Amino acid sequence: TGFHASMVLAPDDGVGAVALANTGAFNPVAMTTPTVDAL
């Protein structure tokens, strides 16, 4: 409630991203996942 976090990495390519945010309802619709996926 109020927070979302996402982490994604491509081990074979040596790249990864993480995003932490302090806004959101208690459901999976949030900005952190599209952020790390787009990166």
PDB file of all heavy atoms in Angstrom:
ATOM      1  N   THR A   1       0.838  -1.188   0.000  1.00  0.00           N
ATOM      2  CA  THR A   1       0.000   0.000   0.000  1.00  0.00           C
ATOM      3  C   THR A   1       0.877   1.242   0.000  1.00  0.00           C
ATOM      4  O   THR A   1       1.636   1.498   0.934  1.00  0.00           O
ATOM      5  CB  THR A   1      -0.963  -0.016   1.204  1.00  0.00           C
ATOM      6  OG1 THR A   1      -1.683   1.214   1.243  1.00  0.00           O
ATOM      7  CG2 THR A   1      -0.242  -0.235   2.521  1.00  0.00           C
ATOM      8  N   GLY A   2       0.829   1.998  -1.110  1.00  0.00           N
ATOM      9  CA  GLY A   2       1.629   3.195  -1.262  1.00  0.00           C
ATOM     10  C   GLY A   2       2.994   3.012  -1.875  1.00  0.00           C
ATOM     11  O   GLY A   2       3.681   4.008  -2.140  1.00  0.00           O
ATOM     12  N   PHE A   3       3.395   1.775  -2.142  1.00  0.00           N
ATOM     13  CA  PHE A   3       4.754   1.536  -2.649  1.00  0.00           C
ATOM     14  C   PHE A   3       4.753   0.421  -3.696  1.00  0.00           C
ATOM     15  O   PHE A   3       4.000  -0.553  -3.571  1.00  0.00           O
ATOM     16  CB  PHE A   3       5.696   1.132  -1.509  1.00  0.00           C
ATOM     17  CG  PHE A   3       5.909   2.203  -0.480  1.00  0.00           C
ATOM     18  CD1 PHE A   3       5.145   2.229   0.675  1.00  0.00           C
ATOM     19  CD2 PHE A   3       6.864   3.188  -0.679  1.00  0.00           C
ATOM     20  CE1 PHE A   3       5.333   3.224   1.630  1.00  0.00           C
ATOM     21  CE2 PHE A   3       7.063   4.181   0.271  1.00  0.00           C
ATOM     22  CZ  PHE A   3       6.290   4.202   1.428  1.00  0.00           C
ATOM     23  N   HIS A   4       5.635   0.566  -4.685  1.00  0.00           N
ATOM     24  CA  HIS A   4       5.863  -0.484  -5.673  1.00  0.00           C
ATOM     25  C   HIS A   4       7.348  -0.585  -5.960  1.00  0.00           C
ATOM     26  O   HIS A   4       8.075   0.423  -5.899  1.00  0.00           O
ATOM     27  CB  HIS A   4       5.110  -0.199  -6.972  1.00  0.00           C
ATOM     28  CG  HIS A   4       3.629  -0.352  -6.855  1.00  0.00           C
ATOM     29  ND1 HIS A   4       2.754   0.489  -7.475  1.00  0.00           N
ATOM     30  CD2 HIS A   4       2.855  -1.243  -6.177  1.00  0.00           C
ATOM     31  CE1 HIS A   4       1.506   0.128  -7.206  1.00  0.00           C
ATOM     32  NE2 HIS A   4       1.545  -0.918  -6.420  1.00  0.00           N
ATOM     33  N   ALA A   5       7.796  -1.794  -6.288  1.00  0.00           N
ATOM     34  CA  ALA A   5       9.206  -2.035  -6.597  1.00  0.00           C
ATOM     35  C   ALA A   5       9.303  -3.060  -7.712  1.00  0.00           C
ATOM     36  O   ALA A   5       8.501  -3.997  -7.772  1.00  0.00           O
ATOM     37  CB  ALA A   5       9.950  -2.532  -5.353  1.00  0.00           C
ATOM     38  N   SER A   6      10.279  -2.896  -8.584  1.00  0.00           N
ATOM     39  CA  SER A   6      10.495  -3.862  -9.665  1.00  0.00           C
ATOM     40  C   SER A   6      11.982  -4.008  -9.945  1.00  0.00           C
ATOM     41  O   SER A   6      12.729  -3.017  -9.919  1.00  0.00           O
ATOM     42  CB  SER A   6       9.777  -3.427 -10.951  1.00  0.00           C
ATOM     43  OG  SER A   6       8.386  -3.377 -10.771  1.00  0.00           O
ATOM     44  N   MET A   7      12.397  -5.235 -10.222  1.00  0.00           N
ATOM     45  CA  MET A   7      13.787  -5.548 -10.557  1.00  0.00           C
ATOM     46  C   MET A   7      13.781  -6.514 -11.729  1.00  0.00           C
ATOM     47  O   MET A   7      13.015  -7.493 -11.746  1.00  0.00           O
ATOM     48  CB  MET A   7      14.483  -6.198  -9.354  1.00  0.00           C
ATOM     49  CG  MET A   7      15.920  -6.623  -9.610  1.00  0.00           C
ATOM     50  SD  MET A   7      16.640  -7.497  -8.186  1.00  0.00           S
ATOM     51  CE  MET A   7      15.744  -9.065  -8.245  1.00  0.00           C
ATOM     52  N   VAL A   8      14.608  -6.246 -12.727  1.00  0.00           N
ATOM     53  CA  VAL A   8      14.684  -7.116 -13.895  1.00  0.00           C
ATOM     54  C   VAL A   8      16.129  -7.149 -14.369  1.00  0.00           C
ATOM     55  O   VAL A   8      16.844  -6.146 -14.310  1.00  0.00           O
ATOM     56  CB  VAL A   8      13.738  -6.605 -15.013  1.00  0.00           C
ATOM     57  CG1 VAL A   8      14.140  -5.224 -15.493  1.00  0.00           C
ATOM     58  CG2 VAL A   8      13.670  -7.582 -16.169  1.00  0.00           C
ATOM     59  N   LEU A   9      16.590  -8.332 -14.803  1.00  0.00           N
ATOM     60  CA  LEU A   9      17.958  -8.441 -15.297  1.00  0.00           C
ATOM     61  C   LEU A   9      18.073  -9.508 -16.371  1.00  0.00           C
ATOM     62  O   LEU A   9      17.323 -10.494 -16.364  1.00  0.00           O
ATOM     63  CB  LEU A   9      18.947  -8.728 -14.173  1.00  0.00           C
ATOM     64  CG  LEU A   9      18.675  -9.869 -13.213  1.00  0.00           C
ATOM     65  CD1 LEU A   9      19.968 -10.571 -12.850  1.00  0.00           C
ATOM     66  CD2 LEU A   9      18.029  -9.333 -11.927  1.00  0.00           C
ATOM     67  N   ALA A  10      18.988  -9.267 -17.287  1.00  0.00           N
ATOM     68  CA  ALA A  10      19.307 -10.219 -18.345  1.00  0.00           C
ATOM     69  C   ALA A  10      20.695 -10.771 -18.053  1.00  0.00           C
ATOM     70  O   ALA A  10      21.709 -10.140 -18.413  1.00  0.00           O
ATOM     71  CB  ALA A  10      19.259  -9.534 -19.709  1.00  0.00           C
ATOM     72  N   PRO A  11      20.796 -11.924 -17.391  1.00  0.00           N
ATOM     73  CA  PRO A  11      22.104 -12.422 -16.930  1.00  0.00           C
ATOM     74  C   PRO A  11      23.108 -12.649 -18.049  1.00  0.00           C
ATOM     75  O   PRO A  11      24.307 -12.408 -17.861  1.00  0.00           O
ATOM     76  CB  PRO A  11      21.752 -13.733 -16.223  1.00  0.00           C
ATOM     77  CG  PRO A  11      20.302 -13.654 -15.915  1.00  0.00           C
ATOM     78  CD  PRO A  11      19.698 -12.818 -16.995  1.00  0.00           C
ATOM     79  N   ASP A  12      22.641 -13.109 -19.208  1.00  0.00           N
ATOM     80  CA  ASP A  12      23.564 -13.409 -20.298  1.00  0.00           C
ATOM     81  C   ASP A  12      24.111 -12.149 -20.961  1.00  0.00           C
ATOM     82  O   ASP A  12      25.121 -12.200 -21.662  1.00  0.00           O
ATOM     83  CB  ASP A  12      22.872 -14.271 -21.352  1.00  0.00           C
ATOM     84  CG  ASP A  12      22.326 -15.567 -20.770  1.00  0.00           C
ATOM     85  OD1 ASP A  12      22.934 -16.084 -19.814  1.00  0.00           O
ATOM     86  OD2 ASP A  12      21.272 -16.044 -21.247  1.00  0.00           O
ATOM     87  N   ASP A  13      23.414 -11.020 -20.744  1.00  0.00           N
ATOM     88  CA  ASP A  13      23.802  -9.766 -21.378  1.00  0.00           C
ATOM     89  C   ASP A  13      24.451  -8.796 -20.403  1.00  0.00           C
ATOM     90  O   ASP A  13      24.929  -7.730 -20.811  1.00  0.00           O
ATOM     91  CB  ASP A  13      22.575  -9.109 -22.018  1.00  0.00           C
ATOM     92  CG  ASP A  13      21.922  -9.998 -23.055  1.00  0.00           C
ATOM     93  OD1 ASP A  13      22.367  -9.972 -24.212  1.00  0.00           O
ATOM     94  OD2 ASP A  13      20.980 -10.739 -22.704  1.00  0.00           O
ATOM     95  N   GLY A  14      24.430  -9.130 -19.103  1.00  0.00           N
ATOM     96  CA  GLY A  14      25.088  -8.297 -18.113  1.00  0.00           C
ATOM     97  C   GLY A  14      24.415  -6.976 -17.842  1.00  0.00           C
ATOM     98  O   GLY A  14      25.087  -6.009 -17.461  1.00  0.00           O
ATOM     99  N   VAL A  15      23.089  -6.896 -18.028  1.00  0.00           N
ATOM    100  CA  VAL A  15      22.372  -5.642 -17.776  1.00  0.00           C
ATOM    101  C   VAL A  15      21.186  -5.908 -16.855  1.00  0.00           C
ATOM    102  O   VAL A  15      20.602  -6.995 -16.855  1.00  0.00           O
ATOM    103  CB  VAL A  15      21.882  -4.974 -19.080  1.00  0.00           C
ATOM    104  CG1 VAL A  15      23.057  -4.589 -19.963  1.00  0.00           C
ATOM    105  CG2 VAL A  15      20.919  -5.870 -19.837  1.00  0.00           C
ATOM    106  N   GLY A  16      20.837  -4.893 -16.067  1.00  0.00           N
ATOM    107  CA  GLY A  16      19.696  -5.008 -15.184  1.00  0.00           C
ATOM    108  C   GLY A  16      19.222  -3.633 -14.762  1.00  0.00           C
ATOM    109  O   GLY A  16      19.943  -2.636 -14.908  1.00  0.00           O
ATOM    110  N   ALA A  17      17.996  -3.580 -14.231  1.00  0.00           N
ATOM    111  CA  ALA A  17      17.431  -2.312 -13.786  1.00  0.00           C
ATOM    112  C   ALA A  17      16.537  -2.557 -12.590  1.00  0.00           C
ATOM    113  O   ALA A  17      15.943  -3.636 -12.437  1.00  0.00           O
ATOM    114  CB  ALA A  17      16.645  -1.641 -14.916  1.00  0.00           C
ATOM    115  N   VAL A  18      16.428  -1.542 -11.747  1.00  0.00           N
ATOM    116  CA  VAL A  18      15.548  -1.590 -10.588  1.00  0.00           C
ATOM    117  C   VAL A  18      14.866  -0.240 -10.463  1.00  0.00           C
ATOM    118  O   VAL A  18      15.463   0.804 -10.766  1.00  0.00           O
ATOM    119  CB  VAL A  18      16.328  -1.943  -9.300  1.00  0.00           C
ATOM    120  CG1 VAL A  18      17.371  -0.900  -8.980  1.00  0.00           C
ATOM    121  CG2 VAL A  18      15.388  -2.131  -8.124  1.00  0.00           C
ATOM    122  N   ALA A  19      13.591  -0.253 -10.064  1.00  0.00           N
ATOM    123  CA  ALA A  19      12.841   0.985  -9.846  1.00  0.00           C
ATOM    124  C   ALA A  19      12.053   0.857  -8.554  1.00  0.00           C
ATOM    125  O   ALA A  19      11.425  -0.177  -8.303  1.00  0.00           O
ATOM    126  CB  ALA A  19      11.908   1.278 -11.013  1.00  0.00           C
ATOM    127  N   LEU A  20      12.088   1.897  -7.730  1.00  0.00           N
ATOM    128  CA  LEU A  20      11.381   1.948  -6.456  1.00  0.00           C
ATOM    129  C   LEU A  20      10.528   3.209  -6.445  1.00  0.00           C
ATOM    130  O   LEU A  20      11.035   4.303  -6.727  1.00  0.00           O
ATOM    131  CB  LEU A  20      12.370   1.975  -5.287  1.00  0.00           C
ATOM    132  CG  LEU A  20      13.474   0.908  -5.280  1.00  0.00           C
ATOM    133  CD1 LEU A  20      14.453   1.167  -4.132  1.00  0.00           C
ATOM    134  CD2 LEU A  20      12.872  -0.480  -5.176  1.00  0.00           C
ATOM    135  N   ALA A  21       9.232   3.085  -6.116  1.00  0.00           N
ATOM    136  CA  ALA A  21       8.326   4.231  -6.163  1.00  0.00           C
ATOM    137  C   ALA A  21       7.470   4.281  -4.909  1.00  0.00           C
ATOM    138  O   ALA A  21       7.209   3.253  -4.273  1.00  0.00           O
ATOM    139  CB  ALA A  21       7.436   4.157  -7.404  1.00  0.00           C
ATOM    140  N   ASN A  22       7.015   5.493  -4.563  1.00  0.00           N
ATOM    141  CA  ASN A  22       6.240   5.676  -3.336  1.00  0.00           C
ATOM    142  C   ASN A  22       4.812   6.136  -3.608  1.00  0.00           C
ATOM    143  O   ASN A  22       4.233   6.907  -2.849  1.00  0.00           O
ATOM    144  CB  ASN A  22       6.933   6.667  -2.390  1.00  0.00           C
ATOM    145  CG  ASN A  22       7.039   8.069  -2.957  1.00  0.00           C
ATOM    146  OD1 ASN A  22       7.020   8.252  -4.173  1.00  0.00           O
ATOM    147  ND2 ASN A  22       7.154   9.069  -2.081  1.00  0.00           N
ATOM    148  N   THR A  23       4.221   5.640  -4.699  1.00  0.00           N
ATOM    149  CA  THR A  23       2.828   5.948  -5.004  1.00  0.00           C
ATOM    150  C   THR A  23       2.178   4.731  -5.638  1.00  0.00           C
ATOM    151  O   THR A  23       2.713   4.167  -6.592  1.00  0.00           O
ATOM    152  CB  THR A  23       2.710   7.143  -5.969  1.00  0.00           C
ATOM    153  OG1 THR A  23       3.385   8.261  -5.403  1.00  0.00           O
ATOM    154  CG2 THR A  23       1.253   7.516  -6.192  1.00  0.00           C
ATOM    155  N   GLY A  24       1.020   4.335  -5.122  1.00  0.00           N
ATOM    156  CA  GLY A  24       0.281   3.253  -5.750  1.00  0.00           C
ATOM    157  C   GLY A  24      -0.644   2.553  -4.786  1.00  0.00           C
ATOM    158  O   GLY A  24      -0.386   2.489  -3.584  1.00  0.00           O
ATOM    159  N   ALA A  25      -1.731   2.047  -5.323  1.00  0.00           N
ATOM    160  CA  ALA A  25      -2.673   1.274  -4.527  1.00  0.00           C
ATOM    161  C   ALA A  25      -2.130  -0.131  -4.316  1.00  0.00           C
ATOM    162  O   ALA A  25      -1.125  -0.532  -4.918  1.00  0.00           O
ATOM    163  CB  ALA A  25      -4.032   1.232  -5.216  1.00  0.00           C
ATOM    164  N   PHE A  26      -2.808  -0.885  -3.473  1.00  0.00           N
ATOM    165  CA  PHE A  26      -2.387  -2.254  -3.159  1.00  0.00           C
ATOM    166  C   PHE A  26      -2.864  -3.194  -4.258  1.00  0.00           C
ATOM    167  O   PHE A  26      -3.727  -4.035  -4.079  1.00  0.00           O
ATOM    168  CB  PHE A  26      -2.962  -2.647  -1.796  1.00  0.00           C
ATOM    169  CG  PHE A  26      -2.454  -3.970  -1.272  1.00  0.00           C
ATOM    170  CD1 PHE A  26      -1.105  -4.256  -1.232  1.00  0.00           C
ATOM    171  CD2 PHE A  26      -3.349  -4.923  -0.805  1.00  0.00           C
ATOM    172  CE1 PHE A  26      -0.644  -5.462  -0.749  1.00  0.00           C
ATOM    173  CE2 PHE A  26      -2.905  -6.138  -0.317  1.00  0.00           C
ATOM    174  CZ  PHE A  26      -1.554  -6.410  -0.291  1.00  0.00           C
ATOM    175  N   ASN A  27      -2.300  -3.003  -5.448  1.00  0.00           N
ATOM    176  CA  ASN A  27      -2.597  -3.865  -6.589  1.00  0.00           C
ATOM    177  C   ASN A  27      -1.424  -3.783  -7.553  1.00  0.00           C
ATOM    178  O   ASN A  27      -0.577  -2.887  -7.444  1.00  0.00           O
ATOM    179  CB  ASN A  27      -3.924  -3.466  -7.263  1.00  0.00           C
ATOM    180  CG  ASN A  27      -3.872  -2.089  -7.883  1.00  0.00           C
ATOM    181  OD1 ASN A  27      -3.016  -1.795  -8.707  1.00  0.00           O
ATOM    182  ND2 ASN A  27      -4.802  -1.220  -7.490  1.00  0.00           N
ATOM    183  N   PRO A  28      -1.329  -4.717  -8.521  1.00  0.00           N
ATOM    184  CA  PRO A  28      -0.120  -4.782  -9.353  1.00  0.00           C
ATOM    185  C   PRO A  28      -0.040  -3.744 -10.453  1.00  0.00           C
ATOM    186  O   PRO A  28       0.922  -3.752 -11.223  1.00  0.00           O
ATOM    187  CB  PRO A  28      -0.195  -6.206  -9.941  1.00  0.00           C
ATOM    188  CG  PRO A  28      -1.646  -6.544  -9.924  1.00  0.00           C
ATOM    189  CD  PRO A  28      -2.218  -5.873  -8.717  1.00  0.00           C
ATOM    190  N   VAL A  29      -1.020  -2.848 -10.573  1.00  0.00           N
ATOM    191  CA  VAL A  29      -0.978  -1.832 -11.616  1.00  0.00           C
ATOM    192  C   VAL A  29      -0.116  -0.682 -11.126  1.00  0.00           C
ATOM    193  O   VAL A  29      -0.517   0.096 -10.259  1.00  0.00           O
ATOM    194  CB  VAL A  29      -2.399  -1.347 -11.958  1.00  0.00           C
ATOM    195  CG1 VAL A  29      -2.342  -0.287 -13.047  1.00  0.00           C
ATOM    196  CG2 VAL A  29      -3.267  -2.525 -12.402  1.00  0.00           C
ATOM    197  N   ALA A  30       1.099  -0.556 -11.666  1.00  0.00           N
ATOM    198  CA  ALA A  30       2.060   0.418 -11.135  1.00  0.00           C
ATOM    199  C   ALA A  30       3.050   0.819 -12.208  1.00  0.00           C
ATOM    200  O   ALA A  30       3.104   0.240 -13.282  1.00  0.00           O
ATOM    201  CB  ALA A  30       2.798  -0.187  -9.949  1.00  0.00           C
ATOM    202  N   MET A  31       3.840   1.851 -11.868  1.00  0.00           N
ATOM    203  CA  MET A  31       4.769   2.393 -12.860  1.00  0.00           C
ATOM    204  C   MET A  31       6.138   1.732 -12.837  1.00  0.00           C
ATOM    205  O   MET A  31       6.908   1.863 -13.778  1.00  0.00           O
ATOM    206  CB  MET A  31       4.929   3.911 -12.658  1.00  0.00           C
ATOM    207  CG  MET A  31       5.801   4.343 -11.490  1.00  0.00           C
ATOM    208  SD  MET A  31       5.164   3.860  -9.867  1.00  0.00           S
ATOM    209  CE  MET A  31       3.593   4.726  -9.853  1.00  0.00           C
ATOM    210  N   THR A  32       6.487   1.000 -11.781  1.00  0.00           N
ATOM    211  CA  THR A  32       7.848   0.488 -11.696  1.00  0.00           C
ATOM    212  C   THR A  32       8.112  -0.622 -12.708  1.00  0.00           C
ATOM    213  O   THR A  32       9.195  -0.676 -13.299  1.00  0.00           O
ATOM    214  CB  THR A  32       8.158  -0.020 -10.276  1.00  0.00           C
ATOM    215  OG1 THR A  32       7.163  -0.982  -9.887  1.00  0.00           O
ATOM    216  CG2 THR A  32       8.164   1.132  -9.285  1.00  0.00           C
ATOM    217  N   THR A  33       7.140  -1.504 -12.936  1.00  0.00           N
ATOM    218  CA  THR A  33       7.363  -2.595 -13.889  1.00  0.00           C
ATOM    219  C   THR A  33       7.506  -2.078 -15.315  1.00  0.00           C
ATOM    220  O   THR A  33       8.461  -2.458 -16.012  1.00  0.00           O
ATOM    221  CB  THR A  33       6.259  -3.646 -13.782  1.00  0.00           C
ATOM    222  OG1 THR A  33       6.349  -4.272 -12.501  1.00  0.00           O
ATOM    223  CG2 THR A  33       6.400  -4.707 -14.865  1.00  0.00           C
ATOM    224  N   PRO A  34       6.602  -1.222 -15.815  1.00  0.00           N
ATOM    225  CA  PRO A  34       6.852  -0.693 -17.167  1.00  0.00           C
ATOM    226  C   PRO A  34       8.142   0.108 -17.273  1.00  0.00           C
ATOM    227  O   PRO A  34       8.759   0.154 -18.332  1.00  0.00           O
ATOM    228  CB  PRO A  34       5.619   0.182 -17.451  1.00  0.00           C
ATOM    229  CG  PRO A  34       4.932   0.363 -16.164  1.00  0.00           C
ATOM    230  CD  PRO A  34       5.280  -0.803 -15.309  1.00  0.00           C
ATOM    231  N   THR A  35       8.584   0.730 -16.168  1.00  0.00           N
ATOM    232  CA  THR A  35       9.844   1.476 -16.192  1.00  0.00           C
ATOM    233  C   THR A  35      11.029   0.556 -16.435  1.00  0.00           C
ATOM    234  O   THR A  35      11.842   0.781 -17.337  1.00  0.00           O
ATOM    235  CB  THR A  35      10.038   2.246 -14.870  1.00  0.00           C
ATOM    236  OG1 THR A  35       9.000   3.211 -14.716  1.00  0.00           O
ATOM    237  CG2 THR A  35      11.389   2.950 -14.855  1.00  0.00           C
ATOM    238  N   VAL A  36      11.154  -0.497 -15.616  1.00  0.00           N
ATOM    239  CA  VAL A  36      12.316  -1.377 -15.779  1.00  0.00           C
ATOM    240  C   VAL A  36      12.209  -2.188 -17.063  1.00  0.00           C
ATOM    241  O   VAL A  36      13.234  -2.474 -17.704  1.00  0.00           O
ATOM    242  CB  VAL A  36      12.501  -2.305 -14.556  1.00  0.00           C
ATOM    243  CG1 VAL A  36      12.794  -1.491 -13.311  1.00  0.00           C
ATOM    244  CG2 VAL A  36      11.306  -3.233 -14.330  1.00  0.00           C
ATOM    245  N   ASP A  37      10.993  -2.548 -17.478  1.00  0.00           N
ATOM    246  CA  ASP A  37      10.842  -3.287 -18.733  1.00  0.00           C
ATOM    247  C   ASP A  37      11.265  -2.429 -19.921  1.00  0.00           C
ATOM    248  O   ASP A  37      11.948  -2.907 -20.839  1.00  0.00           O
ATOM    249  CB  ASP A  37       9.390  -3.742 -18.909  1.00  0.00           C
ATOM    250  CG  ASP A  37       9.030  -4.908 -18.012  1.00  0.00           C
ATOM    251  OD1 ASP A  37       9.936  -5.458 -17.355  1.00  0.00           O
ATOM    252  OD2 ASP A  37       7.839  -5.273 -17.956  1.00  0.00           O
ATOM    253  N   ALA A  38      10.851  -1.156 -19.915  1.00  0.00           N
ATOM    254  CA  ALA A  38      11.229  -0.265 -21.019  1.00  0.00           C
ATOM    255  C   ALA A  38      12.734  -0.039 -21.056  1.00  0.00           C
ATOM    256  O   ALA A  38      13.346  -0.016 -22.136  1.00  0.00           O
ATOM    257  CB  ALA A  38      10.492   1.066 -20.886  1.00  0.00           C
ATOM    258  N   LEU A  39      13.349   0.117 -19.885  1.00  0.00           N
ATOM    259  CA  LEU A  39      14.803   0.288 -19.842  1.00  0.00           C
ATOM    260  C   LEU A  39      15.528  -0.950 -20.345  1.00  0.00           C
ATOM    261  O   LEU A  39      16.512  -0.856 -21.099  1.00  0.00           O
ATOM    262  CB  LEU A  39      15.253   0.613 -18.417  1.00  0.00           C
ATOM    263  CG  LEU A  39      15.021   2.039 -17.938  1.00  0.00           C
ATOM    264  CD1 LEU A  39      15.292   2.148 -16.440  1.00  0.00           C
ATOM    265  CD2 LEU A  39      15.909   3.024 -18.706  1.00  0.00           C
TER     266      LEU A  39
END
